PDB file of N, CA and C in Angstrom:
ATOM      1  N   UNK A   1     -23.570  -6.895   2.810  1.00  0.00           N
ATOM      2  CA  UNK A   1     -23.714  -6.183   4.060  1.00  0.00           C
ATOM      3  C   UNK A   1     -22.387  -6.107   4.815  1.00  0.00           C
ATOM      4  N   UNK A   2     -21.516  -7.078   4.566  1.00  0.00           N
ATOM      5  CA  UNK A   2     -20.234  -7.085   5.254  1.00  0.00           C
ATOM      6  C   UNK A   2     -19.363  -5.907   4.817  1.00  0.00           C
ATOM      7  N   UNK A   3     -19.470  -5.515   3.547  1.00  0.00           N
ATOM      8  CA  UNK A   3     -18.715  -4.358   3.070  1.00  0.00           C
ATOM      9  C   UNK A   3     -19.172  -3.083   3.770  1.00  0.00           C
ATOM     10  N   UNK A   4     -20.448  -3.006   4.068  1.00  0.00           N
ATOM     11  CA  UNK A   4     -20.984  -1.830   4.756  1.00  0.00           C
ATOM     12  C   UNK A   4     -20.357  -1.677   6.139  1.00  0.00           C
ATOM     13  N   UNK A   5     -20.197  -2.791   6.844  1.00  0.00           N
ATOM     14  CA  UNK A   5     -19.592  -2.730   8.173  1.00  0.00           C
ATOM     15  C   UNK A   5     -18.114  -2.346   8.091  1.00  0.00           C
ATOM     16  N   UNK A   6     -17.419  -2.854   7.091  1.00  0.00           N
ATOM     17  CA  UNK A   6     -16.009  -2.501   6.930  1.00  0.00           C
ATOM     18  C   UNK A   6     -15.855  -1.021   6.607  1.00  0.00           C
ATOM     19  N   UNK A   7     -16.678  -0.515   5.695  1.00  0.00           N
ATOM     20  CA  UNK A   7     -16.624   0.906   5.341  1.00  0.00           C
ATOM     21  C   UNK A   7     -16.992   1.764   6.542  1.00  0.00           C
ATOM     22  N   UNK A   8     -17.999   1.344   7.296  1.00  0.00           N
ATOM     23  CA  UNK A   8     -18.394   2.098   8.490  1.00  0.00           C
ATOM     24  C   UNK A   8     -17.264   2.136   9.515  1.00  0.00           C
ATOM     25  N   UNK A   9     -16.585   1.019   9.689  1.00  0.00           N
ATOM     26  CA  UNK A   9     -15.461   0.968  10.625  1.00  0.00           C
ATOM     27  C   UNK A   9     -14.336   1.893  10.179  1.00  0.00           C
ATOM     28  N   UNK A  10     -13.996   1.857   8.895  1.00  0.00           N
ATOM     29  CA  UNK A  10     -12.924   2.713   8.382  1.00  0.00           C
ATOM     30  C   UNK A  10     -13.274   4.185   8.519  1.00  0.00           C
ATOM     31  N   UNK A  11     -14.497   4.551   8.196  1.00  0.00           N
ATOM     32  CA  UNK A  11     -14.906   5.950   8.322  1.00  0.00           C
ATOM     33  C   UNK A  11     -14.924   6.394   9.782  1.00  0.00           C
ATOM     34  N   UNK A  12     -15.366   5.512  10.666  1.00  0.00           N
ATOM     35  CA  UNK A  12     -15.377   5.843  12.087  1.00  0.00           C
ATOM     36  C   UNK A  12     -13.962   6.094  12.599  1.00  0.00           C
ATOM     37  N   UNK A  13     -13.039   5.200  12.255  1.00  0.00           N
ATOM     38  CA  UNK A  13     -11.652   5.369  12.699  1.00  0.00           C
ATOM     39  C   UNK A  13     -11.054   6.632  12.094  1.00  0.00           C
ATOM     40  N   UNK A  14     -11.338   6.897  10.814  1.00  0.00           N
ATOM     41  CA  UNK A  14     -10.801   8.085  10.160  1.00  0.00           C
ATOM     42  C   UNK A  14     -11.309   9.355  10.818  1.00  0.00           C
ATOM     43  N   UNK A  15     -12.619   9.439  11.043  1.00  0.00           N
ATOM     44  CA  UNK A  15     -13.172  10.643  11.662  1.00  0.00           C
ATOM     45  C   UNK A  15     -12.760  10.766  13.130  1.00  0.00           C
ATOM     46  N   UNK A  16     -12.576   9.653  13.797  1.00  0.00           N
ATOM     47  CA  UNK A  16     -12.093   9.692  15.174  1.00  0.00           C
ATOM     48  C   UNK A  16     -10.684  10.267  15.233  1.00  0.00           C
ATOM     49  N   UNK A  17      -9.825   9.791  14.351  1.00  0.00           N
ATOM     50  CA  UNK A  17      -8.455  10.304  14.344  1.00  0.00           C
ATOM     51  C   UNK A  17      -8.399  11.758  13.900  1.00  0.00           C
ATOM     52  N   UNK A  18      -9.148  12.107  12.862  1.00  0.00           N
ATOM     53  CA  UNK A  18      -9.147  13.492  12.398  1.00  0.00           C
ATOM     54  C   UNK A  18      -9.778  14.425  13.427  1.00  0.00           C
ATOM     55  N   UNK A  19     -10.824  13.960  14.093  1.00  0.00           N
ATOM     56  CA  UNK A  19     -11.479  14.770  15.109  1.00  0.00           C
ATOM     57  C   UNK A  19     -10.631  14.976  16.346  1.00  0.00           C
ATOM     58  N   UNK A  20      -9.712  14.054  16.592  1.00  0.00           N
ATOM     59  CA  UNK A  20      -8.853  14.209  17.762  1.00  0.00           C
ATOM     60  C   UNK A  20      -7.620  15.055  17.466  1.00  0.00           C
ATOM     61  N   UNK A  21      -7.508  15.558  16.254  1.00  0.00           N
ATOM     62  CA  UNK A  21      -6.434  16.485  15.932  1.00  0.00           C
ATOM     63  C   UNK A  21      -5.209  15.867  15.291  1.00  0.00           C
ATOM     64  N   UNK A  22      -5.304  14.626  14.863  1.00  0.00           N
ATOM     65  CA  UNK A  22      -4.169  13.975  14.206  1.00  0.00           C
ATOM     66  C   UNK A  22      -4.069  14.502  12.775  1.00  0.00           C
ATOM     67  N   UNK A  23      -2.856  14.679  12.272  1.00  0.00           N
ATOM     68  CA  UNK A  23      -2.662  15.146  10.906  1.00  0.00           C
ATOM     69  C   UNK A  23      -3.275  14.159   9.919  1.00  0.00           C
ATOM     70  N   UNK A  24      -3.619  14.643   8.744  1.00  0.00           N
ATOM     71  CA  UNK A  24      -4.335  13.837   7.755  1.00  0.00           C
ATOM     72  C   UNK A  24      -3.506  12.621   7.334  1.00  0.00           C
ATOM     73  N   UNK A  25      -2.238  12.810   7.050  1.00  0.00           N
ATOM     74  CA  UNK A  25      -1.399  11.693   6.626  1.00  0.00           C
ATOM     75  C   UNK A  25      -1.287  10.609   7.682  1.00  0.00           C
ATOM     76  N   UNK A  26      -1.118  11.021   8.922  1.00  0.00           N
ATOM     77  CA  UNK A  26      -1.036  10.041  10.013  1.00  0.00           C
ATOM     78  C   UNK A  26      -2.376   9.363  10.265  1.00  0.00           C
ATOM     79  N   UNK A  27      -3.473  10.102  10.067  1.00  0.00           N
ATOM     80  CA  UNK A  27      -4.798   9.496  10.232  1.00  0.00           C
ATOM     81  C   UNK A  27      -5.042   8.438   9.164  1.00  0.00           C
ATOM     82  N   UNK A  28      -4.630   8.714   7.928  1.00  0.00           N
ATOM     83  CA  UNK A  28      -4.787   7.720   6.867  1.00  0.00           C
ATOM     84  C   UNK A  28      -3.909   6.501   7.118  1.00  0.00           C
ATOM     85  N   UNK A  29      -2.718   6.714   7.655  1.00  0.00           N
ATOM     86  CA  UNK A  29      -1.874   5.576   8.011  1.00  0.00           C
ATOM     87  C   UNK A  29      -2.495   4.770   9.149  1.00  0.00           C
ATOM     88  N   UNK A  30      -3.162   5.445  10.073  1.00  0.00           N
ATOM     89  CA  UNK A  30      -3.848   4.737  11.151  1.00  0.00           C
ATOM     90  C   UNK A  30      -4.997   3.889  10.645  1.00  0.00           C
ATOM     91  N   UNK A  31      -5.743   4.418   9.684  1.00  0.00           N
ATOM     92  CA  UNK A  31      -6.843   3.649   9.095  1.00  0.00           C
ATOM     93  C   UNK A  31      -6.290   2.451   8.328  1.00  0.00           C
ATOM     94  N   UNK A  32      -5.188   2.649   7.611  1.00  0.00           N
ATOM     95  CA  UNK A  32      -4.561   1.532   6.899  1.00  0.00           C
ATOM     96  C   UNK A  32      -4.068   0.474   7.880  1.00  0.00           C
ATOM     97  N   UNK A  33      -3.536   0.923   9.004  1.00  0.00           N
ATOM     98  CA  UNK A  33      -3.065  -0.010  10.033  1.00  0.00           C
ATOM     99  C   UNK A  33      -4.230  -0.861  10.558  1.00  0.00           C
ATOM    100  N   UNK A  34      -5.353  -0.208  10.854  1.00  0.00           N
ATOM    101  CA  UNK A  34      -6.525  -0.936  11.355  1.00  0.00           C
ATOM    102  C   UNK A  34      -7.024  -1.919  10.303  1.00  0.00           C
ATOM    103  N   UNK A  35      -7.093  -1.480   9.053  1.00  0.00           N
ATOM    104  CA  UNK A  35      -7.559  -2.362   7.987  1.00  0.00           C
ATOM    105  C   UNK A  35      -6.665  -3.565   7.789  1.00  0.00           C
ATOM    106  N   UNK A  36      -5.364  -3.343   7.821  1.00  0.00           N
ATOM    107  CA  UNK A  36      -4.450  -4.472   7.647  1.00  0.00           C
ATOM    108  C   UNK A  36      -4.456  -5.391   8.861  1.00  0.00           C
ATOM    109  N   UNK A  37      -4.633  -4.821  10.022  1.00  0.00           N
ATOM    110  CA  UNK A  37      -4.664  -5.643  11.238  1.00  0.00           C
ATOM    111  C   UNK A  37      -5.897  -6.548  11.259  1.00  0.00           C
ATOM    112  N   UNK A  38      -7.021  -6.039  10.778  1.00  0.00           N
ATOM    113  CA  UNK A  38      -8.262  -6.803  10.846  1.00  0.00           C
ATOM    114  C   UNK A  38      -8.468  -7.748   9.668  1.00  0.00           C
ATOM    115  N   UNK A  39      -7.956  -7.408   8.488  1.00  0.00           N
ATOM    116  CA  UNK A  39      -8.344  -8.145   7.290  1.00  0.00           C
ATOM    117  C   UNK A  39      -7.208  -8.892   6.608  1.00  0.00           C
ATOM    118  N   UNK A  40      -5.996  -8.859   7.128  1.00  0.00           N
ATOM    119  CA  UNK A  40      -4.905  -9.641   6.549  1.00  0.00           C
ATOM    120  C   UNK A  40      -4.187 -10.409   7.643  1.00  0.00           C
ATOM    121  N   UNK A  41      -3.420 -11.387   7.201  1.00  0.00           N
ATOM    122  CA  UNK A  41      -2.645 -12.165   8.170  1.00  0.00           C
ATOM    123  C   UNK A  41      -1.163 -11.805   8.130  1.00  0.00           C
ATOM    124  N   UNK A  42      -0.782 -10.862   7.268  1.00  0.00           N
ATOM    125  CA  UNK A  42       0.616 -10.431   7.189  1.00  0.00           C
ATOM    126  C   UNK A  42       0.974  -9.582   8.401  1.00  0.00           C
ATOM    127  N   UNK A  43       2.255  -9.567   8.782  1.00  0.00           N
ATOM    128  CA  UNK A  43       2.673  -8.675   9.871  1.00  0.00           C
ATOM    129  C   UNK A  43       2.574  -7.219   9.421  1.00  0.00           C
ATOM    130  N   UNK A  44       1.798  -6.457  10.139  1.00  0.00           N
ATOM    131  CA  UNK A  44       1.458  -5.101   9.713  1.00  0.00           C
ATOM    132  C   UNK A  44       2.664  -4.177   9.770  1.00  0.00           C
ATOM    133  N   UNK A  45       3.456  -4.260  10.797  1.00  0.00           N
ATOM    134  CA  UNK A  45       4.587  -3.356  10.950  1.00  0.00           C
ATOM    135  C   UNK A  45       5.591  -3.482   9.821  1.00  0.00           C
ATOM    136  N   UNK A  46       5.971  -4.710   9.483  1.00  0.00           N
ATOM    137  CA  UNK A  46       6.938  -4.919   8.406  1.00  0.00           C
ATOM    138  C   UNK A  46       6.393  -4.449   7.068  1.00  0.00           C
ATOM    139  N   UNK A  47       5.135  -4.730   6.808  1.00  0.00           N
ATOM    140  CA  UNK A  47       4.532  -4.338   5.542  1.00  0.00           C
ATOM    141  C   UNK A  47       4.424  -2.828   5.423  1.00  0.00           C
ATOM    142  N   UNK A  48       3.995  -2.164   6.494  1.00  0.00           N
ATOM    143  CA  UNK A  48       3.853  -0.704   6.442  1.00  0.00           C
ATOM    144  C   UNK A  48       5.214  -0.032   6.280  1.00  0.00           C
ATOM    145  N   UNK A  49       6.221  -0.493   6.995  1.00  0.00           N
ATOM    146  CA  UNK A  49       7.544   0.116   6.896  1.00  0.00           C
ATOM    147  C   UNK A  49       8.109  -0.058   5.492  1.00  0.00           C
ATOM    148  N   UNK A  50       7.953  -1.251   4.908  1.00  0.00           N
ATOM    149  CA  UNK A  50       8.456  -1.490   3.559  1.00  0.00           C
ATOM    150  C   UNK A  50       7.750  -0.606   2.546  1.00  0.00           C
ATOM    151  N   UNK A  51       6.441  -0.479   2.654  1.00  0.00           N
ATOM    152  CA  UNK A  51       5.680   0.337   1.716  1.00  0.00           C
ATOM    153  C   UNK A  51       6.008   1.814   1.867  1.00  0.00           C
ATOM    154  N   UNK A  52       6.110   2.291   3.081  1.00  0.00           N
ATOM    155  CA  UNK A  52       6.422   3.708   3.309  1.00  0.00           C
ATOM    156  C   UNK A  52       7.822   4.027   2.794  1.00  0.00           C
ATOM    157  N   UNK A  53       8.785   3.140   3.065  1.00  0.00           N
ATOM    158  CA  UNK A  53      10.148   3.399   2.597  1.00  0.00           C
ATOM    159  C   UNK A  53      10.222   3.359   1.071  1.00  0.00           C
ATOM    160  N   UNK A  54       9.530   2.414   0.445  1.00  0.00           N
ATOM    161  CA  UNK A  54       9.576   2.309  -1.015  1.00  0.00           C
ATOM    162  C   UNK A  54       8.959   3.529  -1.683  1.00  0.00           C
ATOM    163  N   UNK A  55       7.904   4.070  -1.109  1.00  0.00           N
ATOM    164  CA  UNK A  55       7.268   5.227  -1.738  1.00  0.00           C
ATOM    165  C   UNK A  55       8.003   6.523  -1.442  1.00  0.00           C
ATOM    166  N   UNK A  56       8.729   6.590  -0.338  1.00  0.00           N
ATOM    167  CA  UNK A  56       9.430   7.837  -0.021  1.00  0.00           C
ATOM    168  C   UNK A  56      10.855   7.878  -0.548  1.00  0.00           C
ATOM    169  N   UNK A  57      11.380   6.773  -1.024  1.00  0.00           N
ATOM    170  CA  UNK A  57      12.753   6.768  -1.537  1.00  0.00           C
ATOM    171  C   UNK A  57      12.800   6.551  -3.043  1.00  0.00           C
ATOM    172  N   UNK A  58      11.750   6.932  -3.747  1.00  0.00           N
ATOM    173  CA  UNK A  58      11.731   6.742  -5.197  1.00  0.00           C
ATOM    174  C   UNK A  58      12.477   7.870  -5.897  1.00  0.00           C
ATOM    175  N   UNK A  59      12.936   7.606  -7.105  1.00  0.00           N
ATOM    176  CA  UNK A  59      13.682   8.605  -7.862  1.00  0.00           C
ATOM    177  C   UNK A  59      12.788   9.719  -8.373  1.00  0.00           C
ATOM    178  N   UNK A  60      11.502   9.487  -8.453  1.00  0.00           N
ATOM    179  CA  UNK A  60      10.614  10.561  -8.909  1.00  0.00           C
ATOM    180  C   UNK A  60      10.550  11.698  -7.911  1.00  0.00           C
ATOM    181  N   UNK A  61      10.728  11.406  -6.643  1.00  0.00           N
ATOM    182  CA  UNK A  61      10.697  12.469  -5.643  1.00  0.00           C
ATOM    183  C   UNK A  61      11.952  13.339  -5.674  1.00  0.00           C
ATOM    184  N   UNK A  62      13.026  12.850  -6.270  1.00  0.00           N
ATOM    185  CA  UNK A  62      14.232  13.672  -6.337  1.00  0.00           C
ATOM    186  C   UNK A  62      14.078  14.819  -7.320  1.00  0.00           C
ATOM    187  N   UNK A  63      13.192  14.691  -8.281  1.00  0.00           N
ATOM    188  CA  UNK A  63      12.990  15.760  -9.257  1.00  0.00           C
ATOM    189  C   UNK A  63      12.199  16.921  -8.666  1.00  0.00           C
ATOM    190  N   UNK A  64      11.452  16.700  -7.620  1.00  0.00           N
ATOM    191  CA  UNK A  64      10.615  17.759  -7.053  1.00  0.00           C
ATOM    192  C   UNK A  64      11.428  18.934  -6.507  1.00  0.00           C
ATOM    193  N   UNK A  65      12.451  18.745  -5.680  1.00  0.00           N
ATOM    194  CA  UNK A  65      13.228  19.912  -5.234  1.00  0.00           C
ATOM    195  C   UNK A  65      13.945  20.613  -6.381  1.00  0.00           C
ATOM    196  N   UNK A  66      14.400  19.844  -7.358  1.00  0.00           N
ATOM    197  CA  UNK A  66      15.058  20.467  -8.507  1.00  0.00           C
ATOM    198  C   UNK A  66      14.083  21.334  -9.286  1.00  0.00           C
ATOM    199  N   UNK A  67      12.854  20.883  -9.419  1.00  0.00           N
ATOM    200  CA  UNK A  67      11.842  21.675 -10.113  1.00  0.00           C
ATOM    201  C   UNK A  67      11.532  22.951  -9.332  1.00  0.00           C
ATOM    202  N   UNK A  68      11.468  22.854  -8.023  1.00  0.00           N
ATOM    203  CA  UNK A  68      11.177  24.042  -7.205  1.00  0.00           C
ATOM    204  C   UNK A  68      12.342  25.023  -7.269  1.00  0.00           C
ATOM    205  N   UNK A  69      13.578  24.535  -7.246  1.00  0.00           N
ATOM    206  CA  UNK A  69      14.741  25.420  -7.315  1.00  0.00           C
ATOM    207  C   UNK A  69      14.836  26.152  -8.648  1.00  0.00           C
ATOM    208  N   UNK A  70      14.308  25.554  -9.696  1.00  0.00           N
ATOM    209  CA  UNK A  70      14.362  26.212 -11.004  1.00  0.00           C
ATOM    210  C   UNK A  70      13.428  27.404 -11.010  1.00  0.00           C
TER     211      UNK A  70
END
């Protein structure tokens, strides 16, 4: 039953953010922020910044503009 409450909370936050006009990517980051704040003891800001930077500075993303230019 505890999983049901967690899923309900995440869906509520997601629909609240999407319904208020927040972009999809930012709404998903907001839901991740709420989940990490409630269910982990790690500092959320440091973890989110590290994860966002690692995924946006990968070498696989450098091939995308080259593919589009071709």
